[in-house]
Amino acid sequence: MNDRLQRLEEKIAYLERHVIEQDKVMLELGDALAKLRQELRTLRERSGGSGGGEGDKEPVDERPPHY
């Protein structure tokens, strides 16, 4: 019985450590996602597009300037 209890305690310790490591990774991914969203927002502002407005579409029948 003592051996069984020890194995269960080891498994719990392993799982607790695993959860802590996953939490750290999730926080890092959240930070990275927030940074990427900010960079995307900045790039959209620089290009003058809002990410879905009419300014993003190319004119269909516009002639090139050399005509």
PDB file of N, CA and C in Angstrom:
ATOM      1  N   MET A   1       0.817  -1.188   0.000  1.00  0.00           N
ATOM      2  CA  MET A   1       0.000   0.000   0.000  1.00  0.00           C
ATOM      3  C   MET A   1       0.866   1.260   0.000  1.00  0.00           C
ATOM      4  N   ASN A   2       1.947   1.248   0.728  1.00  0.00           N
ATOM      5  CA  ASN A   2       2.840   2.401   0.807  1.00  0.00           C
ATOM      6  C   ASN A   2       3.460   2.695  -0.560  1.00  0.00           C
ATOM      7  N   ASP A   3       3.825   1.653  -1.301  1.00  0.00           N
ATOM      8  CA  ASP A   3       4.410   1.820  -2.632  1.00  0.00           C
ATOM      9  C   ASP A   3       3.398   2.459  -3.588  1.00  0.00           C
ATOM     10  N   ARG A   4       2.166   2.042  -3.478  1.00  0.00           N
ATOM     11  CA  ARG A   4       1.096   2.594  -4.323  1.00  0.00           C
ATOM     12  C   ARG A   4       0.891   4.078  -4.020  1.00  0.00           C
ATOM     13  N   LEU A   5       0.892   4.417  -2.772  1.00  0.00           N
ATOM     14  CA  LEU A   5       0.731   5.811  -2.367  1.00  0.00           C
ATOM     15  C   LEU A   5       1.891   6.669  -2.875  1.00  0.00           C
ATOM     16  N   GLN A   6       3.086   6.140  -2.815  1.00  0.00           N
ATOM     17  CA  GLN A   6       4.259   6.875  -3.288  1.00  0.00           C
ATOM     18  C   GLN A   6       4.176   7.120  -4.796  1.00  0.00           C
ATOM     19  N   ARG A   7       3.739   6.106  -5.558  1.00  0.00           N
ATOM     20  CA  ARG A   7       3.599   6.284  -7.012  1.00  0.00           C
ATOM     21  C   ARG A   7       2.556   7.352  -7.335  1.00  0.00           C
ATOM     22  N   LEU A   8       1.461   7.356  -6.590  1.00  0.00           N
ATOM     23  CA  LEU A   8       0.437   8.373  -6.813  1.00  0.00           C
ATOM     24  C   LEU A   8       0.969   9.772  -6.501  1.00  0.00           C
ATOM     25  N   GLU A   9       1.733   9.888  -5.433  1.00  0.00           N
ATOM     26  CA  GLU A   9       2.318  11.186  -5.077  1.00  0.00           C
ATOM     27  C   GLU A   9       3.297  11.647  -6.152  1.00  0.00           C
ATOM     28  N   GLU A  10       4.062  10.720  -6.720  1.00  0.00           N
ATOM     29  CA  GLU A  10       4.995  11.072  -7.788  1.00  0.00           C
ATOM     30  C   GLU A  10       4.241  11.544  -9.030  1.00  0.00           C
ATOM     31  N   LYS A  11       3.159  10.864  -9.351  1.00  0.00           N
ATOM     32  CA  LYS A  11       2.366  11.268 -10.510  1.00  0.00           C
ATOM     33  C   LYS A  11       1.758  12.642 -10.307  1.00  0.00           C
ATOM     34  N   ILE A  12       1.272  12.902  -9.113  1.00  0.00           N
ATOM     35  CA  ILE A  12       0.687  14.214  -8.818  1.00  0.00           C
ATOM     36  C   ILE A  12       1.756  15.296  -8.921  1.00  0.00           C
ATOM     37  N   ALA A  13       2.938  15.030  -8.402  1.00  0.00           N
ATOM     38  CA  ALA A  13       4.028  16.011  -8.475  1.00  0.00           C
ATOM     39  C   ALA A  13       4.393  16.290  -9.932  1.00  0.00           C
ATOM     40  N   TYR A  14       4.460  15.230 -10.743  1.00  0.00           N
ATOM     41  CA  TYR A  14       4.770  15.395 -12.159  1.00  0.00           C
ATOM     42  C   TYR A  14       3.684  16.230 -12.840  1.00  0.00           C
ATOM     43  N   LEU A  15       2.424  15.923 -12.581  1.00  0.00           N
ATOM     44  CA  LEU A  15       1.322  16.647 -13.208  1.00  0.00           C
ATOM     45  C   LEU A  15       1.286  18.108 -12.767  1.00  0.00           C
ATOM     46  N   GLU A  16       1.564  18.369 -11.506  1.00  0.00           N
ATOM     47  CA  GLU A  16       1.604  19.755 -11.032  1.00  0.00           C
ATOM     48  C   GLU A  16       2.711  20.544 -11.732  1.00  0.00           C
ATOM     49  N   ARG A  17       3.870  19.928 -11.884  1.00  0.00           N
ATOM     50  CA  ARG A  17       4.982  20.590 -12.580  1.00  0.00           C
ATOM     51  C   ARG A  17       4.614  20.845 -14.041  1.00  0.00           C
ATOM     52  N   HIS A  18       3.958  19.862 -14.655  1.00  0.00           N
ATOM     53  CA  HIS A  18       3.542  19.991 -16.045  1.00  0.00           C
ATOM     54  C   HIS A  18       2.548  21.147 -16.217  1.00  0.00           C
ATOM     55  N   VAL A  19       1.607  21.269 -15.313  1.00  0.00           N
ATOM     56  CA  VAL A  19       0.620  22.351 -15.372  1.00  0.00           C
ATOM     57  C   VAL A  19       1.306  23.700 -15.228  1.00  0.00           C
ATOM     58  N   ILE A  20       2.259  23.808 -14.335  1.00  0.00           N
ATOM     59  CA  ILE A  20       2.985  25.069 -14.147  1.00  0.00           C
ATOM     60  C   ILE A  20       3.749  25.440 -15.415  1.00  0.00           C
ATOM     61  N   GLU A  21       4.388  24.451 -16.052  1.00  0.00           N
ATOM     62  CA  GLU A  21       5.115  24.714 -17.296  1.00  0.00           C
ATOM     63  C   GLU A  21       4.163  25.144 -18.404  1.00  0.00           C
ATOM     64  N   GLN A  22       3.006  24.501 -18.479  1.00  0.00           N
ATOM     65  CA  GLN A  22       2.027  24.889 -19.493  1.00  0.00           C
ATOM     66  C   GLN A  22       1.518  26.300 -19.247  1.00  0.00           C
ATOM     67  N   ASP A  23       1.298  26.665 -18.008  1.00  0.00           N
ATOM     68  CA  ASP A  23       0.847  28.015 -17.684  1.00  0.00           C
ATOM     69  C   ASP A  23       1.864  29.050 -18.156  1.00  0.00           C
ATOM     70  N   LYS A  24       3.146  28.764 -17.936  1.00  0.00           N
ATOM     71  CA  LYS A  24       4.190  29.686 -18.378  1.00  0.00           C
ATOM     72  C   LYS A  24       4.171  29.852 -19.886  1.00  0.00           C
ATOM     73  N   VAL A  25       4.041  28.730 -20.595  1.00  0.00           N
ATOM     74  CA  VAL A  25       4.018  28.778 -22.060  1.00  0.00           C
ATOM     75  C   VAL A  25       2.794  29.545 -22.551  1.00  0.00           C
ATOM     76  N   MET A  26       1.654  29.333 -21.932  1.00  0.00           N
ATOM     77  CA  MET A  26       0.436  30.032 -22.333  1.00  0.00           C
ATOM     78  C   MET A  26       0.575  31.542 -22.118  1.00  0.00           C
ATOM     79  N   LEU A  27       1.200  31.936 -21.024  1.00  0.00           N
ATOM     80  CA  LEU A  27       1.428  33.363 -20.788  1.00  0.00           C
ATOM     81  C   LEU A  27       2.366  33.951 -21.841  1.00  0.00           C
ATOM     82  N   GLU A  28       3.415  33.209 -22.190  1.00  0.00           N
ATOM     83  CA  GLU A  28       4.335  33.672 -23.223  1.00  0.00           C
ATOM     84  C   GLU A  28       3.628  33.804 -24.564  1.00  0.00           C
ATOM     85  N   LEU A  29       2.778  32.827 -24.904  1.00  0.00           N
ATOM     86  CA  LEU A  29       2.040  32.891 -26.160  1.00  0.00           C
ATOM     87  C   LEU A  29       1.059  34.063 -26.164  1.00  0.00           C
ATOM     88  N   GLY A  30       0.444  34.327 -25.041  1.00  0.00           N
ATOM     89  CA  GLY A  30      -0.464  35.463 -24.947  1.00  0.00           C
ATOM     90  C   GLY A  30       0.268  36.777 -25.147  1.00  0.00           C
ATOM     91  N   ASP A  31       1.443  36.893 -24.552  1.00  0.00           N
ATOM     92  CA  ASP A  31       2.253  38.101 -24.735  1.00  0.00           C
ATOM     93  C   ASP A  31       2.676  38.262 -26.184  1.00  0.00           C
ATOM     94  N   ALA A  32       3.110  37.164 -26.802  1.00  0.00           N
ATOM     95  CA  ALA A  32       3.523  37.214 -28.203  1.00  0.00           C
ATOM     96  C   ALA A  32       2.352  37.605 -29.101  1.00  0.00           C
ATOM     97  N   LEU A  33       1.185  37.068 -28.819  1.00  0.00           N
ATOM     98  CA  LEU A  33      -0.001  37.406 -29.603  1.00  0.00           C
ATOM     99  C   LEU A  33      -0.354  38.884 -29.456  1.00  0.00           C
ATOM    100  N   ALA A  34      -0.264  39.404 -28.263  1.00  0.00           N
ATOM    101  CA  ALA A  34      -0.555  40.819 -28.038  1.00  0.00           C
ATOM    102  C   ALA A  34       0.436  41.694 -28.810  1.00  0.00           C
ATOM    103  N   LYS A  35       1.711  41.317 -28.814  1.00  0.00           N
ATOM    104  CA  LYS A  35       2.716  42.084 -29.558  1.00  0.00           C
ATOM    105  C   LYS A  35       2.443  42.033 -31.049  1.00  0.00           C
ATOM    106  N   LEU A  36       2.091  40.856 -31.553  1.00  0.00           N
ATOM    107  CA  LEU A  36       1.806  40.726 -32.976  1.00  0.00           C
ATOM    108  C   LEU A  36       0.576  41.530 -33.377  1.00  0.00           C
ATOM    109  N   ARG A  37      -0.430  41.548 -32.526  1.00  0.00           N
ATOM    110  CA  ARG A  37      -1.621  42.351 -32.820  1.00  0.00           C
ATOM    111  C   ARG A  37      -1.270  43.834 -32.874  1.00  0.00           C
ATOM    112  N   GLN A  38      -0.423  44.276 -31.954  1.00  0.00           N
ATOM    113  CA  GLN A  38      -0.004  45.674 -31.949  1.00  0.00           C
ATOM    114  C   GLN A  38       0.796  46.001 -33.206  1.00  0.00           C
ATOM    115  N   GLU A  39       1.696  45.110 -33.603  1.00  0.00           N
ATOM    116  CA  GLU A  39       2.474  45.339 -34.819  1.00  0.00           C
ATOM    117  C   GLU A  39       1.570  45.384 -36.044  1.00  0.00           C
ATOM    118  N   LEU A  40       0.599  44.492 -36.101  1.00  0.00           N
ATOM    119  CA  LEU A  40      -0.339  44.479 -37.226  1.00  0.00           C
ATOM    120  C   LEU A  40      -1.147  45.773 -37.272  1.00  0.00           C
ATOM    121  N   ARG A  41      -1.585  46.229 -36.118  1.00  0.00           N
ATOM    122  CA  ARG A  41      -2.333  47.488 -36.036  1.00  0.00           C
ATOM    123  C   ARG A  41      -1.469  48.644 -36.534  1.00  0.00           C
ATOM    124  N   THR A  42      -0.197  48.654 -36.120  1.00  0.00           N
ATOM    125  CA  THR A  42       0.719  49.714 -36.545  1.00  0.00           C
ATOM    126  C   THR A  42       0.941  49.677 -38.048  1.00  0.00           C
ATOM    127  N   LEU A  43       1.130  48.473 -38.603  1.00  0.00           N
ATOM    128  CA  LEU A  43       1.341  48.351 -40.044  1.00  0.00           C
ATOM    129  C   LEU A  43       0.112  48.791 -40.825  1.00  0.00           C
ATOM    130  N   ARG A  44      -1.065  48.460 -40.324  1.00  0.00           N
ATOM    131  CA  ARG A  44      -2.293  48.881 -41.010  1.00  0.00           C
ATOM    132  C   ARG A  44      -2.438  50.404 -40.977  1.00  0.00           C
ATOM    133  N   GLU A  45      -2.062  51.006 -39.852  1.00  0.00           N
ATOM    134  CA  GLU A  45      -2.152  52.461 -39.755  1.00  0.00           C
ATOM    135  C   GLU A  45      -1.158  53.124 -40.706  1.00  0.00           C
ATOM    136  N   ARG A  46       0.035  52.563 -40.827  1.00  0.00           N
ATOM    137  CA  ARG A  46       1.050  53.126 -41.728  1.00  0.00           C
ATOM    138  C   ARG A  46       0.620  53.027 -43.185  1.00  0.00           C
ATOM    139  N   SER A  47      -0.014  51.904 -43.529  1.00  0.00           N
ATOM    140  CA  SER A  47      -0.410  51.709 -44.920  1.00  0.00           C
ATOM    141  C   SER A  47      -1.699  52.450 -45.250  1.00  0.00           C
ATOM    142  N   GLY A  48      -2.359  52.977 -44.246  1.00  0.00           N
ATOM    143  CA  GLY A  48      -3.582  53.730 -44.479  1.00  0.00           C
ATOM    144  C   GLY A  48      -4.810  52.862 -44.604  1.00  0.00           C
ATOM    145  N   GLY A  49      -4.650  51.567 -44.443  1.00  0.00           N
ATOM    146  CA  GLY A  49      -5.788  50.662 -44.538  1.00  0.00           C
ATOM    147  C   GLY A  49      -6.317  50.326 -43.170  1.00  0.00           C
ATOM    148  N   SER A  50      -7.592  50.035 -43.125  1.00  0.00           N
ATOM    149  CA  SER A  50      -8.200  49.667 -41.850  1.00  0.00           C
ATOM    150  C   SER A  50      -8.373  48.174 -41.734  1.00  0.00           C
ATOM    151  N   GLY A  51      -7.924  47.428 -42.726  1.00  0.00           N
ATOM    152  CA  GLY A  51      -8.018  45.985 -42.655  1.00  0.00           C
ATOM    153  C   GLY A  51      -9.312  45.433 -43.199  1.00  0.00           C
ATOM    154  N   GLY A  52     -10.033  46.174 -43.981  1.00  0.00           N
ATOM    155  CA  GLY A  52     -11.260  45.644 -44.527  1.00  0.00           C
ATOM    156  C   GLY A  52     -12.082  46.718 -45.209  1.00  0.00           C
ATOM    157  N   GLY A  53     -11.533  47.909 -45.293  1.00  0.00           N
ATOM    158  CA  GLY A  53     -12.256  48.998 -45.917  1.00  0.00           C
ATOM    159  C   GLY A  53     -12.113  48.970 -47.419  1.00  0.00           C
ATOM    160  N   GLU A  54     -12.712  49.962 -48.075  1.00  0.00           N
ATOM    161  CA  GLU A  54     -12.665  50.018 -49.526  1.00  0.00           C
ATOM    162  C   GLU A  54     -11.279  50.385 -50.036  1.00  0.00           C
ATOM    163  N   GLY A  55     -10.454  50.987 -49.207  1.00  0.00           N
ATOM    164  CA  GLY A  55      -9.115  51.378 -49.635  1.00  0.00           C
ATOM    165  C   GLY A  55      -8.206  50.193 -49.887  1.00  0.00           C
ATOM    166  N   ASP A  56      -8.589  49.013 -49.428  1.00  0.00           N
ATOM    167  CA  ASP A  56      -7.765  47.833 -49.613  1.00  0.00           C
ATOM    168  C   ASP A  56      -7.949  47.188 -50.976  1.00  0.00           C
ATOM    169  N   LYS A  57      -9.018  47.529 -51.696  1.00  0.00           N
ATOM    170  CA  LYS A  57      -9.313  46.895 -52.977  1.00  0.00           C
ATOM    171  C   LYS A  57      -8.621  47.649 -54.092  1.00  0.00           C
ATOM    172  N   GLU A  58      -8.149  46.892 -55.097  1.00  0.00           N
ATOM    173  CA  GLU A  58      -7.551  47.519 -56.255  1.00  0.00           C
ATOM    174  C   GLU A  58      -8.658  47.882 -57.237  1.00  0.00           C
ATOM    175  N   PRO A  59      -8.534  49.017 -57.898  1.00  0.00           N
ATOM    176  CA  PRO A  59      -9.551  49.367 -58.892  1.00  0.00           C
ATOM    177  C   PRO A  59      -9.559  48.337 -60.021  1.00  0.00           C
ATOM    178  N   VAL A  60     -10.737  47.954 -60.467  1.00  0.00           N
ATOM    179  CA  VAL A  60     -10.868  46.891 -61.451  1.00  0.00           C
ATOM    180  C   VAL A  60     -10.453  47.367 -62.836  1.00  0.00           C
ATOM    181  N   ASP A  61     -10.947  48.519 -63.261  1.00  0.00           N
ATOM    182  CA  ASP A  61     -10.726  48.970 -64.638  1.00  0.00           C
ATOM    183  C   ASP A  61      -9.821  50.185 -64.731  1.00  0.00           C
ATOM    184  N   GLU A  62      -8.997  50.414 -63.747  1.00  0.00           N
ATOM    185  CA  GLU A  62      -8.136  51.587 -63.810  1.00  0.00           C
ATOM    186  C   GLU A  62      -6.995  51.323 -64.782  1.00  0.00           C
ATOM    187  N   ARG A  63      -6.756  52.261 -65.651  1.00  0.00           N
ATOM    188  CA  ARG A  63      -5.695  52.117 -66.662  1.00  0.00           C
ATOM    189  C   ARG A  63      -4.360  52.498 -66.045  1.00  0.00           C
ATOM    190  N   PRO A  64      -3.300  51.827 -66.426  1.00  0.00           N
ATOM    191  CA  PRO A  64      -1.964  52.192 -65.938  1.00  0.00           C
ATOM    192  C   PRO A  64      -1.608  53.606 -66.377  1.00  0.00           C
ATOM    193  N   PRO A  65      -0.698  54.277 -65.649  1.00  0.00           N
ATOM    194  CA  PRO A  65      -0.373  55.678 -65.943  1.00  0.00           C
ATOM    195  C   PRO A  65       0.262  55.898 -67.303  1.00  0.00           C
ATOM    196  N   HIS A  66       0.834  54.910 -67.946  1.00  0.00           N
ATOM    197  CA  HIS A  66       1.510  55.131 -69.232  1.00  0.00           C
ATOM    198  C   HIS A  66       0.541  55.131 -70.412  1.00  0.00           C
ATOM    199  N   TYR A  67      -0.758  54.942 -70.229  1.00  0.00           N
ATOM    200  CA  TYR A  67      -1.716  55.000 -71.330  1.00  0.00           C
ATOM    201  C   TYR A  67      -2.242  56.379 -71.529  1.00  0.00           C
TER     202      TYR A  67
END
